[in-house]
Amino acid sequence: MKLLDSSRPDFFASLDALTHHAGALDETVDATVAKILSDVKTRGDEAVLEYTQKFDRLNAPSMAALELSKDEMKSAFDALDPDLKTALMLARDRIEAYHRRQIAEGWRYTEADGTQLGVQITPLDRVGLYVPGGKAAYPSSLLMNAVPAKVAGVREIIMVVPTPDGVKNATVLAAAHLAGVDRVFTIGGAQAVGALAFGTATVPAVDKIVGPGNAYVAAAKRRVFGIVGIDMIAGPSEILVIADENANPDWVAMDLFSQAEHDEVAQSILLTPSESLIAAVQASIAKLLPTMPRKDIIAASLAGRGAIIKTRSLEEACEISNRIAPEHLELSVADPEALLPMLRHAGAIFMGYGSSEAIGDYVAGTNHVLPTSRSARFSSPLGVYDFQKRTSLIYVSPEGAKTLGKAAATLAYAEGLQAHARAAELRM
């Protein structure tokens, strides 16, 4: 890992170079995706079947053959190892309990002349959930996306999951059953995103598409945004640990590993004013890394985008963290509450020595779908609010039509919109 010092004059230039991620859209990928989406929009099921045969090596006679039954999902759940089943149910219940607190309700108020203003909050009708298949199968992500949608009151969840060579992940199917997913199609890639966005004879068009995917899925979500809503375009995983001299170096090292093991471009950063902790964490990394099954990926991630940063104080560490706006922020300090008011930008904040990011990924109950690549400056974790929409309510009383109409007409004439003005005046 790189070792940086905040007291050096070139520190911020070095930091910006470290945290910069070239997330620009690959033009070759985008061109391929554009062709696939156009084909799916034009030919529907026929195109989806052809791309599924080409990319996933599944020669299905019809789209109906690619839809899984609810019985199959329930059977997968029933056959799970008891400990895994218990863990999934615990995760589902805690995610549901946390997200129920996010449910928003509409409101109204009445002015003196009887005019009423307010907002009506309604759930989306239908949501598409993309779930990666093959080696990258994450039942936890399925729960994090589907459970808030159900809590929000979404009427129907359509899940797509690729099954290369027909191999299905039983834990993913079990999680789909547990989360109450309504329909599941074993399709993936840009063609699945297109089917959800445009609709086909078999796959119903949705209102919003959520869930992680590869570069082709991300490019497809970018292209269909506006036709449907999307959750976000996620970048590489990130963790930033702010630690004091009493932090456990083995814990810190393993928490840095926890994001580095995702892929070679994930980012793990430690901020601390303690020179003794820096030395101890470096020793822990050297000791623990050889024991990790994904040690090659971790090593590449730490070498390429990882860093240990010596700061002048914990307060300065918070300022640097705000500049980075990390996806996951751990406060491995004795008094995390003292730092909290200084922190403005982070997807999730884990407070105290015992609060590992891994708990948040699975069973804390908070959502692990978080903003990356500095987007925590302006966006939030996935939640119930992403599956609800707000509609303004306006009732103008007869008295209000007189007073408000006059002002509205004056403004409309100033903008040269005579029909607007007359519509207001006719009610005066």
Protein backbone atom coordinates (compact mmCIF):
# COMPACT_ATOMS: atom_id res chain seq x y z
CA MET A 1 0.00 0.00 0.00
CA LYS A 2 1.12 3.54 -0.68
CA LEU A 3 2.14 5.56 2.37
CA LEU A 4 1.09 9.22 2.23
CA ASP A 5 1.58 12.05 4.71
CA SER A 6 -0.95 14.89 4.94
CA SER A 7 1.76 17.32 6.03
CA ARG A 8 3.59 17.10 2.70
CA PRO A 9 2.98 19.96 0.24
CA ASP A 10 2.13 17.55 -2.57
CA PHE A 11 -0.33 15.55 -0.47
CA PHE A 12 -3.61 16.60 -2.07
CA ALA A 13 -2.23 16.10 -5.58
CA SER A 14 -1.18 12.59 -4.57
CA LEU A 15 -4.54 11.94 -2.92
CA ASP A 16 -6.51 13.07 -5.96
CA ALA A 17 -4.40 10.87 -8.21
CA LEU A 18 -4.98 7.91 -5.88
CA THR A 19 -8.75 8.33 -5.59
CA HIS A 20 -9.40 9.18 -9.23
CA HIS A 21 -11.11 6.36 -11.05
CA ALA A 22 -11.35 6.36 -14.82
CA GLY A 23 -15.00 5.46 -14.89
CA ALA A 24 -15.63 6.81 -18.37
CA LEU A 25 -17.85 4.65 -20.53
CA ASP A 26 -15.99 2.24 -22.78
CA GLU A 27 -17.00 3.21 -26.34
CA THR A 28 -16.70 -0.36 -27.62
CA VAL A 29 -18.93 -1.67 -24.84
CA ASP A 30 -21.41 1.16 -25.40
CA ALA A 31 -21.61 0.49 -29.14
CA THR A 32 -22.29 -3.20 -28.52
CA VAL A 33 -24.93 -2.37 -25.93
CA ALA A 34 -26.63 0.15 -28.24
CA LYS A 35 -27.00 -2.54 -30.90
CA ILE A 36 -28.38 -5.09 -28.43
CA LEU A 37 -30.91 -2.65 -26.99
CA SER A 38 -32.11 -1.60 -30.43
CA ASP A 39 -32.49 -5.24 -31.42
CA VAL A 40 -34.46 -6.11 -28.28
CA LYS A 41 -36.70 -3.08 -28.73
CA THR A 42 -37.45 -4.13 -32.34
CA ARG A 43 -37.63 -7.92 -32.09
CA GLY A 44 -38.49 -8.51 -28.42
CA ASP A 45 -38.45 -12.11 -27.23
CA GLU A 46 -36.79 -13.37 -30.40
CA ALA A 47 -33.77 -11.13 -29.87
CA VAL A 48 -33.52 -11.96 -26.16
CA LEU A 49 -33.55 -15.68 -26.94
CA GLU A 50 -30.78 -15.29 -29.53
CA TYR A 51 -28.53 -13.28 -27.20
CA THR A 52 -29.17 -15.71 -24.35
CA GLN A 53 -28.06 -18.58 -26.58
CA LYS A 54 -25.00 -16.61 -27.73
CA PHE A 55 -23.75 -15.31 -24.37
CA ASP A 56 -25.10 -17.84 -21.85
CA ARG A 57 -25.12 -20.91 -24.10
CA LEU A 58 -28.79 -21.61 -23.38
CA ASN A 59 -30.82 -22.85 -26.33
CA ALA A 60 -34.35 -22.31 -25.04
CA PRO A 61 -37.36 -22.95 -27.32
CA SER A 62 -39.22 -19.93 -25.93
CA MET A 63 -39.05 -17.19 -23.32
CA ALA A 64 -41.55 -19.16 -21.26
CA ALA A 65 -38.88 -21.84 -20.88
CA LEU A 66 -36.58 -19.24 -19.30
CA GLU A 67 -39.05 -18.28 -16.57
CA LEU A 68 -38.69 -19.99 -13.21
CA SER A 69 -41.72 -21.04 -11.22
CA LYS A 70 -42.39 -19.97 -7.67
CA ASP A 71 -42.34 -23.65 -6.73
CA GLU A 72 -38.74 -23.94 -7.93
CA MET A 73 -37.72 -20.95 -5.82
CA LYS A 74 -39.49 -22.34 -2.77
CA SER A 75 -37.86 -25.73 -3.29
CA ALA A 76 -34.46 -24.05 -3.38
CA PHE A 77 -35.25 -22.33 -0.09
CA ASP A 78 -36.53 -25.51 1.55
CA ALA A 79 -33.37 -27.40 0.55
CA LEU A 80 -30.94 -24.85 1.99
CA ASP A 81 -28.47 -25.72 4.71
CA PRO A 82 -30.24 -24.84 7.99
CA ASP A 83 -27.57 -22.35 9.10
CA LEU A 84 -27.66 -20.56 5.75
CA LYS A 85 -31.45 -20.50 5.81
CA THR A 86 -31.40 -18.99 9.31
CA ALA A 87 -28.85 -16.36 8.28
CA LEU A 88 -30.88 -15.37 5.21
CA MET A 89 -34.06 -15.04 7.27
CA LEU A 90 -32.24 -12.96 9.89
CA ALA A 91 -30.91 -10.67 7.17
CA ARG A 92 -34.34 -10.35 5.53
CA ASP A 93 -36.06 -9.55 8.83
CA ARG A 94 -33.50 -6.94 9.87
CA ILE A 95 -33.50 -5.27 6.45
CA GLU A 96 -37.30 -5.12 6.56
CA ALA A 97 -37.38 -3.70 10.10
CA TYR A 98 -34.88 -0.97 9.26
CA HIS A 99 -36.55 0.03 6.00
CA ARG A 100 -40.03 0.17 7.51
CA ARG A 101 -38.83 3.26 9.36
CA GLN A 102 -38.22 4.95 6.00
CA ILE A 103 -41.84 4.82 4.82
CA ALA A 104 -42.99 8.35 4.05
CA GLU A 105 -46.57 9.56 4.30
CA GLY A 106 -48.34 12.27 2.38
CA TRP A 107 -49.39 15.56 3.98
CA ARG A 108 -51.62 18.58 3.40
CA TYR A 109 -52.15 22.00 4.88
CA THR A 110 -54.97 24.52 4.48
CA GLU A 111 -54.42 28.25 4.09
CA ALA A 112 -56.65 30.95 5.54
CA ASP A 113 -58.68 31.32 2.30
CA GLY A 114 -59.34 27.57 2.07
CA THR A 115 -56.65 26.77 -0.50
CA GLN A 116 -55.06 23.38 0.18
CA LEU A 117 -51.57 22.23 -0.77
CA GLY A 118 -49.92 18.91 -0.12
CA VAL A 119 -48.22 15.82 -1.45
CA GLN A 120 -49.40 12.30 -2.21
CA ILE A 121 -46.86 9.48 -1.95
CA THR A 122 -47.38 6.33 -4.00
CA PRO A 123 -45.21 3.27 -4.72
CA LEU A 124 -43.95 2.33 -8.15
CA ASP A 125 -46.10 -0.25 -9.92
CA ARG A 126 -43.42 -2.58 -11.22
CA VAL A 127 -39.66 -2.82 -10.62
CA GLY A 128 -37.01 -4.81 -12.48
CA LEU A 129 -34.25 -6.38 -10.36
CA TYR A 130 -31.00 -7.37 -12.05
CA VAL A 131 -29.09 -10.07 -10.15
CA PRO A 132 -25.64 -11.16 -11.37
CA GLY A 133 -25.24 -14.85 -12.17
CA GLY A 134 -22.39 -17.28 -12.50
CA LYS A 135 -19.49 -16.74 -10.10
CA ALA A 136 -20.69 -13.28 -9.03
CA ALA A 137 -23.89 -14.39 -7.30
CA TYR A 138 -24.91 -12.28 -4.33
CA PRO A 139 -28.12 -13.26 -2.51
CA SER A 140 -27.42 -10.45 -0.02
CA SER A 141 -27.71 -7.86 -2.80
CA LEU A 142 -30.98 -9.42 -3.92
CA LEU A 143 -32.40 -8.91 -0.42
CA MET A 144 -31.07 -5.35 -0.24
CA ASN A 145 -32.92 -4.44 -3.44
CA ALA A 146 -36.10 -6.49 -3.20
CA VAL A 147 -37.02 -6.02 0.47
CA PRO A 148 -37.16 -2.18 0.40
CA ALA A 149 -39.23 -2.38 -2.78
CA LYS A 150 -41.72 -4.66 -1.06
CA VAL A 151 -41.78 -2.43 2.03
CA ALA A 152 -42.48 0.55 -0.22
CA GLY A 153 -45.52 -1.24 -1.63
CA VAL A 154 -44.25 -2.04 -5.14
CA ARG A 155 -46.91 -4.26 -6.71
CA GLU A 156 -44.63 -6.51 -8.76
CA ILE A 157 -40.91 -7.31 -8.82
CA ILE A 158 -39.53 -8.87 -12.01
CA MET A 159 -36.11 -10.42 -11.48
CA VAL A 160 -33.62 -11.28 -14.20
CA VAL A 161 -30.59 -13.45 -13.48
CA PRO A 162 -28.25 -15.01 -16.06
CA THR A 163 -27.59 -18.74 -15.71
CA PRO A 164 -24.63 -19.52 -18.00
CA ASP A 165 -24.77 -23.11 -19.24
CA GLY A 166 -28.00 -23.49 -17.30
CA VAL A 167 -26.28 -23.41 -13.90
CA LYS A 168 -28.59 -21.87 -11.30
CA ASN A 169 -27.45 -20.55 -7.93
CA ALA A 170 -29.72 -22.17 -5.35
CA THR A 171 -29.03 -19.52 -2.69
CA VAL A 172 -30.06 -16.73 -5.06
CA LEU A 173 -33.32 -18.56 -5.88
CA ALA A 174 -33.93 -19.13 -2.17
CA ALA A 175 -33.38 -15.42 -1.45
CA ALA A 176 -35.82 -14.54 -4.24
CA HIS A 177 -38.44 -16.71 -2.57
CA LEU A 178 -37.71 -15.20 0.83
CA ALA A 179 -37.92 -11.62 -0.50
CA GLY A 180 -41.21 -12.18 -2.29
CA VAL A 181 -39.99 -11.71 -5.86
CA ASP A 182 -42.95 -12.20 -8.20
CA ARG A 183 -41.40 -13.44 -11.46
CA VAL A 184 -37.89 -14.62 -12.39
CA PHE A 185 -36.39 -14.91 -15.88
CA THR A 186 -33.01 -16.59 -16.44
CA ILE A 187 -31.68 -13.89 -18.78
CA GLY A 188 -28.87 -11.44 -18.27
CA GLY A 189 -26.69 -8.79 -19.85
CA ALA A 190 -27.82 -5.78 -21.86
CA GLN A 191 -30.56 -7.89 -23.43
CA ALA A 192 -32.19 -8.40 -20.02
CA VAL A 193 -32.01 -4.68 -19.26
CA GLY A 194 -33.61 -3.98 -22.65
CA ALA A 195 -36.39 -6.49 -22.02
CA LEU A 196 -37.18 -4.86 -18.68
CA ALA A 197 -37.06 -1.33 -20.09
CA PHE A 198 -39.01 -1.84 -23.33
CA GLY A 199 -41.06 -4.91 -22.46
CA THR A 200 -41.50 -7.93 -24.71
CA ALA A 201 -44.39 -10.29 -25.35
CA THR A 202 -43.26 -12.26 -22.28
CA VAL A 203 -41.28 -9.87 -20.07
CA PRO A 204 -43.38 -6.96 -18.78
CA ALA A 205 -41.95 -3.44 -19.00
CA VAL A 206 -40.99 -2.02 -15.60
CA ASP A 207 -40.86 1.47 -14.14
CA LYS A 208 -37.38 1.25 -12.61
CA ILE A 209 -34.37 -1.07 -12.87
CA VAL A 210 -32.17 -1.71 -9.84
CA GLY A 211 -29.33 -4.06 -9.04
CA PRO A 212 -25.62 -4.47 -9.87
CA GLY A 213 -24.09 -5.84 -13.06
CA ASN A 214 -21.02 -5.85 -15.27
CA ALA A 215 -19.89 -3.12 -17.69
CA TYR A 216 -22.50 -4.14 -20.28
CA VAL A 217 -25.30 -3.99 -17.74
CA ALA A 218 -24.10 -0.59 -16.48
CA ALA A 219 -23.92 0.76 -20.04
CA ALA A 220 -27.41 -0.56 -20.76
CA LYS A 221 -28.82 1.07 -17.61
CA ARG A 222 -27.27 4.38 -18.67
CA ARG A 223 -28.90 4.12 -22.08
CA VAL A 224 -32.41 3.24 -20.89
CA PHE A 225 -32.48 5.89 -18.16
CA GLY A 226 -35.35 8.23 -18.97
CA ILE A 227 -37.42 5.41 -20.40
CA VAL A 228 -37.23 3.87 -16.94
CA GLY A 229 -35.66 4.97 -13.70
CA ILE A 230 -32.42 3.38 -12.47
CA ASP A 231 -30.87 3.16 -9.02
CA MET A 232 -27.29 4.24 -9.77
CA ILE A 233 -24.22 3.43 -11.83
CA ALA A 234 -21.95 1.86 -9.24
CA GLY A 235 -18.17 2.09 -9.36
CA PRO A 236 -15.58 -0.09 -7.59
CA SER A 237 -16.06 -0.93 -3.91
CA GLU A 238 -14.49 1.43 -1.38
CA ILE A 239 -13.63 1.46 2.31
CA LEU A 240 -12.00 4.22 4.35
CA VAL A 241 -10.98 3.57 7.95
CA ILE A 242 -10.28 6.40 10.40
CA ALA A 243 -8.44 4.86 13.34
CA ASP A 244 -6.80 5.98 16.56
CA GLU A 245 -3.80 4.49 18.36
CA ASN A 246 -5.94 1.95 20.22
CA ALA A 247 -7.49 0.33 17.15
CA ASN A 248 -6.78 -3.39 16.70
CA PRO A 249 -4.35 -3.64 13.76
CA ASP A 250 -5.55 -7.11 12.74
CA TRP A 251 -9.13 -5.88 12.62
CA VAL A 252 -8.15 -2.85 10.57
CA ALA A 253 -6.12 -4.93 8.13
CA MET A 254 -8.96 -7.41 7.63
CA ASP A 255 -11.46 -4.59 7.10
CA LEU A 256 -9.20 -3.17 4.40
CA PHE A 257 -9.08 -6.65 2.85
CA SER A 258 -12.88 -6.91 2.95
CA GLN A 259 -13.28 -4.43 0.12
CA ALA A 260 -10.00 -5.17 -1.64
CA GLU A 261 -11.10 -8.77 -2.22
CA HIS A 262 -13.98 -7.62 -4.47
CA ASP A 263 -11.70 -6.80 -7.40
CA GLU A 264 -8.35 -5.32 -8.35
CA VAL A 265 -9.72 -1.75 -8.70
CA ALA A 266 -11.48 -1.67 -5.30
CA GLN A 267 -10.09 0.96 -2.93
CA SER A 268 -9.02 0.57 0.70
CA ILE A 269 -7.64 3.55 2.64
CA LEU A 270 -6.54 3.98 6.26
CA LEU A 271 -6.35 7.45 7.85
CA THR A 272 -4.65 7.75 11.23
CA PRO A 273 -2.44 10.17 13.17
CA SER A 274 -0.78 7.24 14.97
CA GLU A 275 2.63 6.17 13.66
CA SER A 276 2.59 3.11 15.91
CA LEU A 277 -0.74 1.97 14.40
CA ILE A 278 0.62 2.45 10.89
CA ALA A 279 3.52 0.13 11.66
CA ALA A 280 1.24 -2.39 13.35
CA VAL A 281 -1.25 -2.44 10.46
CA GLN A 282 1.57 -2.90 7.95
CA ALA A 283 2.76 -5.89 9.99
CA SER A 284 -0.78 -7.29 10.16
CA ILE A 285 -1.18 -6.99 6.40
CA ALA A 286 2.05 -8.87 5.84
CA LYS A 287 0.98 -11.54 8.34
CA LEU A 288 -2.63 -11.99 7.23
CA LEU A 289 -2.49 -11.56 3.47
CA PRO A 290 -0.90 -14.97 2.73
CA THR A 291 -3.79 -16.66 4.58
CA MET A 292 -6.50 -15.18 2.34
CA PRO A 293 -7.98 -17.33 -0.48
CA ARG A 294 -8.30 -14.20 -2.65
CA LYS A 295 -4.85 -12.92 -1.74
CA ASP A 296 -3.85 -12.15 -5.33
CA ILE A 297 -6.86 -9.90 -5.87
CA ILE A 298 -6.35 -8.23 -2.47
CA ALA A 299 -2.67 -7.63 -3.14
CA ALA A 300 -3.36 -6.11 -6.55
CA SER A 301 -6.06 -3.84 -5.11
CA LEU A 302 -3.93 -2.64 -2.20
CA ALA A 303 -0.92 -2.04 -4.44
CA GLY A 304 -2.86 -0.24 -7.14
CA ARG A 305 -5.37 1.91 -5.24
CA GLY A 306 -4.77 1.31 -1.53
CA ALA A 307 -3.08 3.74 0.87
CA ILE A 308 -2.20 4.38 4.48
CA ILE A 309 -2.33 8.12 5.19
CA LYS A 310 -0.59 9.70 8.17
CA THR A 311 -2.69 12.65 9.32
CA ARG A 312 -1.94 15.38 11.86
CA SER A 313 -5.10 14.63 13.84
CA LEU A 314 -8.38 12.74 13.78
CA GLU A 315 -10.08 16.04 12.92
CA GLU A 316 -7.93 16.38 9.82
CA ALA A 317 -8.71 12.76 8.96
CA CYS A 318 -12.39 13.73 8.90
CA GLU A 319 -11.67 16.62 6.51
CA ILE A 320 -9.78 14.30 4.18
CA SER A 321 -12.58 11.73 4.39
CA ASN A 322 -15.11 14.38 3.31
CA ARG A 323 -12.95 15.09 0.27
CA ILE A 324 -12.91 11.38 -0.63
CA ALA A 325 -16.64 10.82 0.18
CA PRO A 326 -16.21 7.05 0.60
CA GLU A 327 -18.79 4.33 0.09
CA HIS A 328 -18.00 2.73 3.49
CA LEU A 329 -16.46 4.74 6.35
CA GLU A 330 -15.32 3.03 9.53
CA LEU A 331 -14.61 5.05 12.68
CA SER A 332 -12.29 2.70 14.52
CA VAL A 333 -11.85 5.12 17.42
CA ALA A 334 -12.69 5.29 21.12
CA ASP A 335 -15.27 8.09 20.71
CA PRO A 336 -16.91 7.88 17.27
CA GLU A 337 -19.73 10.23 18.34
CA ALA A 338 -17.19 13.06 18.67
CA LEU A 339 -16.20 12.69 15.00
CA LEU A 340 -19.70 12.25 13.59
CA PRO A 341 -20.59 16.00 13.38
CA MET A 342 -17.45 16.58 11.29
CA LEU A 343 -18.39 14.01 8.65
CA ARG A 344 -20.62 15.14 5.79
CA HIS A 345 -20.05 12.72 2.90
CA ALA A 346 -20.17 8.92 3.19
CA GLY A 347 -22.48 6.16 2.03
CA ALA A 348 -22.49 4.43 5.43
CA ILE A 349 -20.62 5.16 8.66
CA PHE A 350 -19.64 2.29 10.97
CA MET A 351 -19.08 3.59 14.48
CA GLY A 352 -16.65 2.10 16.97
CA TYR A 353 -14.02 -0.63 17.09
CA GLY A 354 -16.55 -3.48 16.86
CA SER A 355 -18.55 -2.20 13.89
CA SER A 356 -17.13 -4.01 10.88
CA GLU A 357 -18.29 -3.11 7.39
CA ALA A 358 -19.02 -6.81 6.82
CA ILE A 359 -21.94 -6.64 9.28
CA GLY A 360 -23.44 -3.86 7.18
CA ASP A 361 -23.05 -5.91 4.03
CA TYR A 362 -25.23 -8.68 5.40
CA VAL A 363 -27.25 -8.39 8.58
CA ALA A 364 -27.12 -4.93 10.16
CA GLY A 365 -30.34 -4.07 8.34
CA THR A 366 -29.07 -0.91 6.67
CA ASN A 367 -28.78 -1.07 2.90
CA HIS A 368 -25.47 -2.06 1.35
CA VAL A 369 -26.32 -0.50 -2.03
CA LEU A 370 -24.29 2.68 -1.51
CA PRO A 371 -22.95 5.59 -3.57
CA THR A 372 -19.40 5.16 -4.87
CA SER A 373 -16.82 7.25 -6.75
CA ARG A 374 -17.44 10.38 -4.63
CA SER A 375 -21.17 10.35 -5.40
CA ALA A 376 -21.87 10.26 -1.65
CA ARG A 377 -21.50 14.05 -1.94
CA PHE A 378 -24.93 14.18 -3.57
CA SER A 379 -26.63 10.78 -3.29
CA SER A 380 -27.77 8.32 -0.64
CA PRO A 381 -28.05 4.60 0.10
CA LEU A 382 -30.80 2.69 -1.67
CA GLY A 383 -33.98 2.74 0.36
CA VAL A 384 -37.76 2.73 0.42
CA TYR A 385 -37.75 6.29 -0.94
CA ASP A 386 -36.23 4.97 -4.20
CA PHE A 387 -39.39 2.95 -4.78
CA GLN A 388 -41.86 5.70 -3.95
CA LYS A 389 -42.74 8.87 -5.83
CA ARG A 390 -44.31 12.15 -4.77
CA THR A 391 -47.20 13.91 -6.49
CA SER A 392 -48.09 17.52 -5.65
CA LEU A 393 -51.68 18.20 -4.60
CA ILE A 394 -53.29 21.62 -5.24
CA TYR A 395 -56.83 22.68 -4.38
CA VAL A 396 -57.42 26.41 -5.05
CA SER A 397 -60.43 27.79 -3.20
CA PRO A 398 -62.73 30.40 -4.84
CA GLU A 399 -61.16 33.08 -2.66
CA GLY A 400 -57.67 31.84 -3.51
CA ALA A 401 -58.48 31.96 -7.23
CA LYS A 402 -58.97 35.72 -6.91
CA THR A 403 -55.81 36.63 -5.06
CA LEU A 404 -53.47 33.99 -6.51
CA GLY A 405 -55.00 34.35 -9.99
CA LYS A 406 -54.12 38.02 -10.19
CA ALA A 407 -50.46 37.38 -9.30
CA ALA A 408 -50.28 34.38 -11.64
CA ALA A 409 -51.72 36.40 -14.52
CA THR A 410 -49.25 39.23 -13.91
CA LEU A 411 -46.32 36.80 -14.05
CA ALA A 412 -47.72 35.00 -17.11
CA TYR A 413 -48.09 38.28 -19.05
CA ALA A 414 -44.50 39.14 -18.12
CA GLU A 415 -43.39 35.86 -19.68
CA GLY A 416 -45.52 36.38 -22.79
CA LEU A 417 -47.83 33.44 -22.06
CA GLN A 418 -51.26 34.93 -22.61
CA ALA A 419 -53.20 31.64 -22.38
CA HIS A 420 -51.71 31.04 -18.95
CA ALA A 421 -52.77 34.51 -17.89
CA ARG A 422 -56.31 34.18 -19.25
CA ALA A 423 -56.76 30.75 -17.63
CA ALA A 424 -56.02 32.35 -14.28
CA GLU A 425 -58.14 35.46 -14.94
CA LEU A 426 -61.22 33.50 -15.99
CA ARG A 427 -61.41 32.09 -12.47
CA MET A 428 -61.02 35.41 -10.68
